[in-house]
């Protein structure tokens, strides 16, 4: 199978335009979000509400719906999920979605930006946690930490623990290439880009939750898996979606 080159938007032009301070993030990795209590849930720690943007950010809307910390700190939460229909079979179809604002009463209606083919659900879960931070320069809104929820142990352990050893050993484990290396490297670039923006820097953390706590993203990902697939990798930075802000993703058959 031929590898396909992934182009990731470079942050240098943006940081230069905003006159940001640059720091060395070459050894920075995502971390796990540890709630204050083991029984804490997204609903107990975060609330969905309308927030006002800082007056300095005149290029942004006056208000946005977000899932924000109940404690009043600068944390924002994004729900993610990936689904794969026919996982492990001859012709699987996968889709994924992320949710960062309240859905309307009619329920989640994911916008068609594409779906992707995959052989494993792990790849779908990984693809969506790339798109969540990639969608916006969240630090521009004043947030300091982005908490990404997922029910995938593979994603959380890989992003916060295993990836450090993979990178150090040249992306080889037990003499075999690391699976999904292409997406892991894109995720690292996204995390480091957000950390590399000076006063607009943002820390990305991963929170492992039960799938029952992210039903909107789960439903949207399953709907996405039934949509037509696209044939190339897309960067979702700045993508606008419907009022539910549920974005479905895509991935090439060649991956």
C-alpha atoms as a PDB file:
ATOM      1  CA  UNK A   1       0.000   0.000   0.000  1.00  0.00           C
ATOM      2  CA  UNK A   2       1.454   3.331  -1.000  1.00  0.00           C
ATOM      3  CA  UNK A   3       1.827   5.960   1.672  1.00  0.00           C
ATOM      4  CA  UNK A   4       0.046   9.255   1.142  1.00  0.00           C
ATOM      5  CA  UNK A   5       1.685  12.484   2.189  1.00  0.00           C
ATOM      6  CA  UNK A   6      -0.290  14.516   4.711  1.00  0.00           C
ATOM      7  CA  UNK A   7      -0.035  18.264   4.547  1.00  0.00           C
ATOM      8  CA  UNK A   8      -0.598  20.004   7.885  1.00  0.00           C
ATOM      9  CA  UNK A   9      -1.059  23.759   8.042  1.00  0.00           C
ATOM     10  CA  UNK A  10       2.069  25.381   9.453  1.00  0.00           C
ATOM     11  CA  UNK A  11       1.484  27.849  12.282  1.00  0.00           C
ATOM     12  CA  UNK A  12       4.529  30.009  11.562  1.00  0.00           C
ATOM     13  CA  UNK A  13       2.760  32.417   9.214  1.00  0.00           C
ATOM     14  CA  UNK A  14      -0.052  32.878  11.714  1.00  0.00           C
ATOM     15  CA  UNK A  15       2.278  33.416  14.658  1.00  0.00           C
ATOM     16  CA  UNK A  16       4.319  35.922  12.681  1.00  0.00           C
ATOM     17  CA  UNK A  17       1.184  37.859  11.747  1.00  0.00           C
ATOM     18  CA  UNK A  18       0.111  38.033  15.379  1.00  0.00           C
ATOM     19  CA  UNK A  19       3.641  38.793  16.613  1.00  0.00           C
ATOM     20  CA  UNK A  20       3.638  35.834  18.971  1.00  0.00           C
ATOM     21  CA  UNK A  21       6.464  34.528  21.116  1.00  0.00           C
ATOM     22  CA  UNK A  22       7.760  31.152  19.950  1.00  0.00           C
ATOM     23  CA  UNK A  23       9.035  28.523  22.363  1.00  0.00           C
ATOM     24  CA  UNK A  24      10.590  25.126  21.823  1.00  0.00           C
ATOM     25  CA  UNK A  25       7.812  22.530  21.822  1.00  0.00           C
ATOM     26  CA  UNK A  26       9.716  19.764  20.051  1.00  0.00           C
ATOM     27  CA  UNK A  27       9.491  17.552  23.135  1.00  0.00           C
ATOM     28  CA  UNK A  28       5.968  18.511  24.173  1.00  0.00           C
ATOM     29  CA  UNK A  29       3.318  15.786  24.322  1.00  0.00           C
ATOM     30  CA  UNK A  30      -0.374  15.712  25.219  1.00  0.00           C
ATOM     31  CA  UNK A  31      -1.311  14.866  28.802  1.00  0.00           C
ATOM     32  CA  UNK A  32      -4.197  13.081  30.479  1.00  0.00           C
ATOM     33  CA  UNK A  33      -6.982  15.049  32.100  1.00  0.00           C
ATOM     34  CA  UNK A  34      -7.499  13.779  35.646  1.00  0.00           C
ATOM     35  CA  UNK A  35     -10.811  14.934  37.155  1.00  0.00           C
ATOM     36  CA  UNK A  36     -10.828  16.013  40.818  1.00  0.00           C
ATOM     37  CA  UNK A  37     -12.955  12.977  41.750  1.00  0.00           C
ATOM     38  CA  UNK A  38     -13.182   9.545  40.068  1.00  0.00           C
ATOM     39  CA  UNK A  39     -16.954   9.969  39.868  1.00  0.00           C
ATOM     40  CA  UNK A  40     -16.767  13.272  37.995  1.00  0.00           C
ATOM     41  CA  UNK A  41     -18.350  13.411  34.542  1.00  0.00           C
ATOM     42  CA  UNK A  42     -18.335  16.002  31.766  1.00  0.00           C
ATOM     43  CA  UNK A  43     -21.754  17.171  32.952  1.00  0.00           C
ATOM     44  CA  UNK A  44     -20.593  17.607  36.549  1.00  0.00           C
ATOM     45  CA  UNK A  45     -17.495  19.610  35.632  1.00  0.00           C
ATOM     46  CA  UNK A  46     -18.639  21.450  32.499  1.00  0.00           C
ATOM     47  CA  UNK A  47     -21.693  23.362  31.359  1.00  0.00           C
ATOM     48  CA  UNK A  48     -23.003  24.218  27.904  1.00  0.00           C
ATOM     49  CA  UNK A  49     -23.656  27.915  27.598  1.00  0.00           C
ATOM     50  CA  UNK A  50     -23.224  31.071  25.554  1.00  0.00           C
ATOM     51  CA  UNK A  51     -19.945  32.859  26.215  1.00  0.00           C
ATOM     52  CA  UNK A  52     -18.784  36.312  25.201  1.00  0.00           C
ATOM     53  CA  UNK A  53     -15.575  36.758  23.267  1.00  0.00           C
ATOM     54  CA  UNK A  54     -12.887  39.117  24.488  1.00  0.00           C
ATOM     55  CA  UNK A  55     -13.307  42.690  23.111  1.00  0.00           C
ATOM     56  CA  UNK A  56      -9.834  42.434  21.549  1.00  0.00           C
ATOM     57  CA  UNK A  57     -11.060  39.688  19.256  1.00  0.00           C
ATOM     58  CA  UNK A  58     -13.161  41.916  17.026  1.00  0.00           C
ATOM     59  CA  UNK A  59     -12.819  39.483  14.119  1.00  0.00           C
ATOM     60  CA  UNK A  60     -14.788  36.863  16.087  1.00  0.00           C
ATOM     61  CA  UNK A  61     -18.548  36.751  16.781  1.00  0.00           C
ATOM     62  CA  UNK A  62     -19.641  38.574  19.943  1.00  0.00           C
ATOM     63  CA  UNK A  63     -20.880  35.321  21.458  1.00  0.00           C
ATOM     64  CA  UNK A  64     -20.387  31.595  20.941  1.00  0.00           C
ATOM     65  CA  UNK A  65     -21.928  28.457  22.386  1.00  0.00           C
ATOM     66  CA  UNK A  66     -19.259  26.418  24.132  1.00  0.00           C
ATOM     67  CA  UNK A  67     -18.894  23.625  26.706  1.00  0.00           C
ATOM     68  CA  UNK A  68     -16.993  25.384  29.478  1.00  0.00           C
ATOM     69  CA  UNK A  69     -15.751  24.670  32.993  1.00  0.00           C
ATOM     70  CA  UNK A  70     -18.218  25.187  35.822  1.00  0.00           C
ATOM     71  CA  UNK A  71     -15.346  26.400  38.019  1.00  0.00           C
ATOM     72  CA  UNK A  72     -14.845  29.481  35.877  1.00  0.00           C
ATOM     73  CA  UNK A  73     -11.333  28.638  34.709  1.00  0.00           C
ATOM     74  CA  UNK A  74     -10.241  28.802  31.075  1.00  0.00           C
ATOM     75  CA  UNK A  75     -11.003  25.165  30.188  1.00  0.00           C
ATOM     76  CA  UNK A  76     -13.117  24.192  27.180  1.00  0.00           C
ATOM     77  CA  UNK A  77     -14.436  20.687  26.494  1.00  0.00           C
ATOM     78  CA  UNK A  78     -14.941  18.939  23.151  1.00  0.00           C
ATOM     79  CA  UNK A  79     -16.674  15.568  22.824  1.00  0.00           C
ATOM     80  CA  UNK A  80     -15.307  13.212  20.149  1.00  0.00           C
ATOM     81  CA  UNK A  81     -16.184   9.783  18.828  1.00  0.00           C
ATOM     82  CA  UNK A  82     -15.419   7.497  15.923  1.00  0.00           C
ATOM     83  CA  UNK A  83     -17.510   4.668  14.518  1.00  0.00           C
ATOM     84  CA  UNK A  84     -16.728   1.878  12.082  1.00  0.00           C
ATOM     85  CA  UNK A  85     -19.492  -0.161  10.471  1.00  0.00           C
ATOM     86  CA  UNK A  86     -18.268  -3.613   9.488  1.00  0.00           C
ATOM     87  CA  UNK A  87     -15.076  -3.205  11.477  1.00  0.00           C
ATOM     88  CA  UNK A  88     -12.573  -5.918  10.506  1.00  0.00           C
ATOM     89  CA  UNK A  89     -14.642  -7.046   7.515  1.00  0.00           C
ATOM     90  CA  UNK A  90     -13.891  -6.714   3.811  1.00  0.00           C
ATOM     91  CA  UNK A  91     -15.567  -3.351   3.240  1.00  0.00           C
ATOM     92  CA  UNK A  92     -15.732  -1.321   6.461  1.00  0.00           C
ATOM     93  CA  UNK A  93     -16.976   2.260   6.553  1.00  0.00           C
ATOM     94  CA  UNK A  94     -16.012   4.661   9.282  1.00  0.00           C
ATOM     95  CA  UNK A  95     -17.022   8.114  10.352  1.00  0.00           C
ATOM     96  CA  UNK A  96     -16.280  10.415  13.224  1.00  0.00           C
ATOM     97  CA  UNK A  97     -17.556  13.584  14.819  1.00  0.00           C
ATOM     98  CA  UNK A  98     -16.771  16.150  17.463  1.00  0.00           C
ATOM     99  CA  UNK A  99     -19.131  18.364  19.442  1.00  0.00           C
ATOM    100  CA  UNK A 100     -18.179  21.677  21.023  1.00  0.00           C
ATOM    101  CA  UNK A 101     -21.492  23.479  21.435  1.00  0.00           C
ATOM    102  CA  UNK A 102     -25.027  22.589  22.526  1.00  0.00           C
ATOM    103  CA  UNK A 103     -27.218  20.724  20.094  1.00  0.00           C
ATOM    104  CA  UNK A 104     -30.675  22.040  19.304  1.00  0.00           C
ATOM    105  CA  UNK A 105     -33.717  20.161  20.660  1.00  0.00           C
ATOM    106  CA  UNK A 106     -34.192  18.265  17.386  1.00  0.00           C
ATOM    107  CA  UNK A 107     -31.006  16.366  18.145  1.00  0.00           C
ATOM    108  CA  UNK A 108     -27.651  16.016  16.420  1.00  0.00           C
ATOM    109  CA  UNK A 109     -27.617  16.567  12.666  1.00  0.00           C
ATOM    110  CA  UNK A 110     -24.022  16.061  11.485  1.00  0.00           C
ATOM    111  CA  UNK A 111     -22.936  18.131   8.523  1.00  0.00           C
ATOM    112  CA  UNK A 112     -21.567  16.247   5.515  1.00  0.00           C
ATOM    113  CA  UNK A 113     -17.916  17.136   5.106  1.00  0.00           C
ATOM    114  CA  UNK A 114     -16.979  13.559   4.244  1.00  0.00           C
ATOM    115  CA  UNK A 115     -16.399  10.158   5.740  1.00  0.00           C
ATOM    116  CA  UNK A 116     -13.458   7.843   5.454  1.00  0.00           C
ATOM    117  CA  UNK A 117     -12.679   4.207   4.921  1.00  0.00           C
ATOM    118  CA  UNK A 118     -10.706   2.339   7.558  1.00  0.00           C
ATOM    119  CA  UNK A 119      -9.817  -1.164   8.638  1.00  0.00           C
ATOM    120  CA  UNK A 120      -9.978  -0.507  12.355  1.00  0.00           C
ATOM    121  CA  UNK A 121     -12.167   1.633  14.596  1.00  0.00           C
ATOM    122  CA  UNK A 122      -8.958   2.852  16.245  1.00  0.00           C
ATOM    123  CA  UNK A 123      -8.174   4.896  13.151  1.00  0.00           C
ATOM    124  CA  UNK A 124     -11.560   6.581  13.225  1.00  0.00           C
ATOM    125  CA  UNK A 125     -11.134   7.467  16.897  1.00  0.00           C
ATOM    126  CA  UNK A 126      -7.691   8.900  16.218  1.00  0.00           C
ATOM    127  CA  UNK A 127      -8.809  10.925  13.205  1.00  0.00           C
ATOM    128  CA  UNK A 128     -11.487  12.773  15.141  1.00  0.00           C
ATOM    129  CA  UNK A 129      -9.177  13.867  17.982  1.00  0.00           C
ATOM    130  CA  UNK A 130      -6.984  15.461  15.316  1.00  0.00           C
ATOM    131  CA  UNK A 131      -9.874  17.450  13.880  1.00  0.00           C
ATOM    132  CA  UNK A 132     -11.094  18.784  17.238  1.00  0.00           C
ATOM    133  CA  UNK A 133      -8.026  20.955  17.959  1.00  0.00           C
ATOM    134  CA  UNK A 134      -7.454  21.513  14.250  1.00  0.00           C
ATOM    135  CA  UNK A 135     -10.830  23.150  13.711  1.00  0.00           C
ATOM    136  CA  UNK A 136     -10.036  26.493  15.335  1.00  0.00           C
ATOM    137  CA  UNK A 137      -7.308  28.525  16.997  1.00  0.00           C
ATOM    138  CA  UNK A 138      -9.008  27.965  20.337  1.00  0.00           C
ATOM    139  CA  UNK A 139      -6.468  30.085  22.181  1.00  0.00           C
ATOM    140  CA  UNK A 140      -7.709  33.127  20.255  1.00  0.00           C
ATOM    141  CA  UNK A 141     -10.958  32.855  22.220  1.00  0.00           C
ATOM    142  CA  UNK A 142      -9.095  33.081  25.512  1.00  0.00           C
ATOM    143  CA  UNK A 143      -9.095  29.388  26.419  1.00  0.00           C
ATOM    144  CA  UNK A 144      -5.996  28.006  28.120  1.00  0.00           C
ATOM    145  CA  UNK A 145      -6.778  24.286  28.120  1.00  0.00           C
ATOM    146  CA  UNK A 146      -8.655  22.139  25.614  1.00  0.00           C
ATOM    147  CA  UNK A 147     -10.073  18.950  27.144  1.00  0.00           C
ATOM    148  CA  UNK A 148     -10.848  16.326  24.490  1.00  0.00           C
ATOM    149  CA  UNK A 149     -13.068  13.449  25.584  1.00  0.00           C
ATOM    150  CA  UNK A 150     -12.904  10.018  23.969  1.00  0.00           C
ATOM    151  CA  UNK A 151     -13.918   6.490  24.935  1.00  0.00           C
ATOM    152  CA  UNK A 152     -10.824   5.069  23.226  1.00  0.00           C
ATOM    153  CA  UNK A 153      -8.094   3.764  25.536  1.00  0.00           C
ATOM    154  CA  UNK A 154      -5.949   3.382  22.414  1.00  0.00           C
ATOM    155  CA  UNK A 155      -6.134   7.124  21.740  1.00  0.00           C
ATOM    156  CA  UNK A 156      -5.624   8.288  25.321  1.00  0.00           C
ATOM    157  CA  UNK A 157      -2.765   5.915  26.133  1.00  0.00           C
ATOM    158  CA  UNK A 158      -1.184   6.398  22.740  1.00  0.00           C
ATOM    159  CA  UNK A 159      -1.331  10.192  22.839  1.00  0.00           C
ATOM    160  CA  UNK A 160      -0.188  10.633  26.429  1.00  0.00           C
ATOM    161  CA  UNK A 161       2.176   7.711  27.076  1.00  0.00           C
ATOM    162  CA  UNK A 162       3.164   5.445  24.187  1.00  0.00           C
ATOM    163  CA  UNK A 163       3.842   8.203  21.673  1.00  0.00           C
ATOM    164  CA  UNK A 164       6.905   9.444  23.535  1.00  0.00           C
ATOM    165  CA  UNK A 165       8.635   6.083  23.148  1.00  0.00           C
ATOM    166  CA  UNK A 166       7.475   5.733  19.551  1.00  0.00           C
ATOM    167  CA  UNK A 167       9.007   9.044  18.571  1.00  0.00           C
ATOM    168  CA  UNK A 168      12.224   8.357  20.483  1.00  0.00           C
ATOM    169  CA  UNK A 169      12.659   4.956  18.785  1.00  0.00           C
ATOM    170  CA  UNK A 170      11.944   6.243  15.288  1.00  0.00           C
ATOM    171  CA  UNK A 171       8.347   5.049  15.132  1.00  0.00           C
ATOM    172  CA  UNK A 172       9.255   1.382  15.389  1.00  0.00           C
ATOM    173  CA  UNK A 173       8.073  -1.016  18.077  1.00  0.00           C
ATOM    174  CA  UNK A 174       9.179  -4.667  18.341  1.00  0.00           C
ATOM    175  CA  UNK A 175      10.822  -4.221  14.922  1.00  0.00           C
ATOM    176  CA  UNK A 176       7.465  -3.326  13.378  1.00  0.00           C
ATOM    177  CA  UNK A 177       6.330   0.131  12.230  1.00  0.00           C
ATOM    178  CA  UNK A 178       3.931   1.852  14.604  1.00  0.00           C
ATOM    179  CA  UNK A 179       0.382   1.496  13.331  1.00  0.00           C
ATOM    180  CA  UNK A 180      -1.239   4.745  12.211  1.00  0.00           C
ATOM    181  CA  UNK A 181       2.066   6.610  12.410  1.00  0.00           C
ATOM    182  CA  UNK A 182       0.818   9.147   9.866  1.00  0.00           C
ATOM    183  CA  UNK A 183      -2.078  10.228  12.071  1.00  0.00           C
ATOM    184  CA  UNK A 184      -0.063  10.157  15.292  1.00  0.00           C
ATOM    185  CA  UNK A 185       2.435  12.562  13.744  1.00  0.00           C
ATOM    186  CA  UNK A 186      -0.349  14.889  12.603  1.00  0.00           C
ATOM    187  CA  UNK A 187      -1.800  14.870  16.118  1.00  0.00           C
ATOM    188  CA  UNK A 188       1.570  15.825  17.594  1.00  0.00           C
ATOM    189  CA  UNK A 189       1.906  18.694  15.129  1.00  0.00           C
ATOM    190  CA  UNK A 190      -1.529  20.011  16.044  1.00  0.00           C
ATOM    191  CA  UNK A 191      -0.871  19.814  19.789  1.00  0.00           C
ATOM    192  CA  UNK A 192       2.494  21.519  19.414  1.00  0.00           C
ATOM    193  CA  UNK A 193       1.111  24.187  17.111  1.00  0.00           C
ATOM    194  CA  UNK A 194      -1.392  25.234  19.775  1.00  0.00           C
ATOM    195  CA  UNK A 195       1.345  25.273  22.426  1.00  0.00           C
ATOM    196  CA  UNK A 196       3.576  27.384  20.175  1.00  0.00           C
ATOM    197  CA  UNK A 197       1.392  30.506  20.034  1.00  0.00           C
ATOM    198  CA  UNK A 198       2.730  32.660  22.856  1.00  0.00           C
ATOM    199  CA  UNK A 199      -0.019  34.496  24.707  1.00  0.00           C
ATOM    200  CA  UNK A 200      -2.572  32.513  22.698  1.00  0.00           C
ATOM    201  CA  UNK A 201      -1.017  29.152  23.585  1.00  0.00           C
ATOM    202  CA  UNK A 202      -3.292  26.268  24.486  1.00  0.00           C
ATOM    203  CA  UNK A 203      -2.657  23.002  26.333  1.00  0.00           C
ATOM    204  CA  UNK A 204      -4.383  19.906  24.924  1.00  0.00           C
ATOM    205  CA  UNK A 205      -5.478  17.164  27.337  1.00  0.00           C
ATOM    206  CA  UNK A 206      -7.304  13.867  26.804  1.00  0.00           C
ATOM    207  CA  UNK A 207     -10.062  12.559  29.053  1.00  0.00           C
ATOM    208  CA  UNK A 208     -11.073   8.887  28.844  1.00  0.00           C
ATOM    209  CA  UNK A 209     -14.817   8.607  29.431  1.00  0.00           C
ATOM    210  CA  UNK A 210     -17.555   6.021  28.949  1.00  0.00           C
ATOM    211  CA  UNK A 211     -19.275   6.132  25.572  1.00  0.00           C
ATOM    212  CA  UNK A 212     -22.601   6.698  27.340  1.00  0.00           C
ATOM    213  CA  UNK A 213     -21.332  10.141  28.345  1.00  0.00           C
ATOM    214  CA  UNK A 214     -20.858  11.219  24.730  1.00  0.00           C
ATOM    215  CA  UNK A 215     -23.990  10.009  22.980  1.00  0.00           C
ATOM    216  CA  UNK A 216     -24.290  13.019  20.662  1.00  0.00           C
ATOM    217  CA  UNK A 217     -20.845  12.505  19.170  1.00  0.00           C
ATOM    218  CA  UNK A 218     -21.435   8.748  19.001  1.00  0.00           C
ATOM    219  CA  UNK A 219     -24.688   9.191  17.070  1.00  0.00           C
ATOM    220  CA  UNK A 220     -23.117  11.723  14.720  1.00  0.00           C
ATOM    221  CA  UNK A 221     -20.129   9.459  14.022  1.00  0.00           C
ATOM    222  CA  UNK A 222     -22.415   6.545  13.149  1.00  0.00           C
ATOM    223  CA  UNK A 223     -24.382   8.744  10.750  1.00  0.00           C
ATOM    224  CA  UNK A 224     -21.136   9.922   9.205  1.00  0.00           C
ATOM    225  CA  UNK A 225     -20.068   6.341   8.543  1.00  0.00           C
ATOM    226  CA  UNK A 226     -23.089   5.910   6.250  1.00  0.00           C
ATOM    227  CA  UNK A 227     -22.271   8.950   4.107  1.00  0.00           C
ATOM    228  CA  UNK A 228     -20.267   8.953   0.882  1.00  0.00           C
ATOM    229  CA  UNK A 229     -16.516   8.883   1.353  1.00  0.00           C
ATOM    230  CA  UNK A 230     -14.011  11.358  -0.035  1.00  0.00           C
ATOM    231  CA  UNK A 231     -10.646  10.634  -1.550  1.00  0.00           C
ATOM    232  CA  UNK A 232      -8.189  12.929   0.224  1.00  0.00           C
ATOM    233  CA  UNK A 233      -7.200  14.205   3.643  1.00  0.00           C
ATOM    234  CA  UNK A 234      -8.775  17.528   4.596  1.00  0.00           C
ATOM    235  CA  UNK A 235      -7.684  20.055   7.177  1.00  0.00           C
ATOM    236  CA  UNK A 236     -10.718  21.228   9.104  1.00  0.00           C
ATOM    237  CA  UNK A 237      -9.329  24.473  10.449  1.00  0.00           C
ATOM    238  CA  UNK A 238     -12.037  27.102  10.463  1.00  0.00           C
ATOM    239  CA  UNK A 239     -14.749  24.870   9.011  1.00  0.00           C
ATOM    240  CA  UNK A 240     -18.246  26.167   9.665  1.00  0.00           C
ATOM    241  CA  UNK A 241     -21.021  23.707  10.379  1.00  0.00           C
ATOM    242  CA  UNK A 242     -24.690  23.706  11.276  1.00  0.00           C
ATOM    243  CA  UNK A 243     -25.984  25.138  14.571  1.00  0.00           C
ATOM    244  CA  UNK A 244     -25.200  21.810  16.251  1.00  0.00           C
ATOM    245  CA  UNK A 245     -21.519  22.252  15.300  1.00  0.00           C
ATOM    246  CA  UNK A 246     -21.094  18.530  14.674  1.00  0.00           C
ATOM    247  CA  UNK A 247     -18.509  17.945  12.025  1.00  0.00           C
ATOM    248  CA  UNK A 248     -18.007  14.639  10.269  1.00  0.00           C
ATOM    249  CA  UNK A 249     -14.605  13.828   8.924  1.00  0.00           C
ATOM    250  CA  UNK A 250     -12.937  12.089   6.036  1.00  0.00           C
ATOM    251  CA  UNK A 251      -9.939   9.988   5.221  1.00  0.00           C
ATOM    252  CA  UNK A 252      -8.559   8.538   2.004  1.00  0.00           C
ATOM    253  CA  UNK A 253      -8.949   4.897   1.001  1.00  0.00           C
ATOM    254  CA  UNK A 254      -5.206   4.895   0.371  1.00  0.00           C
ATOM    255  CA  UNK A 255      -4.345   5.267   4.055  1.00  0.00           C
END
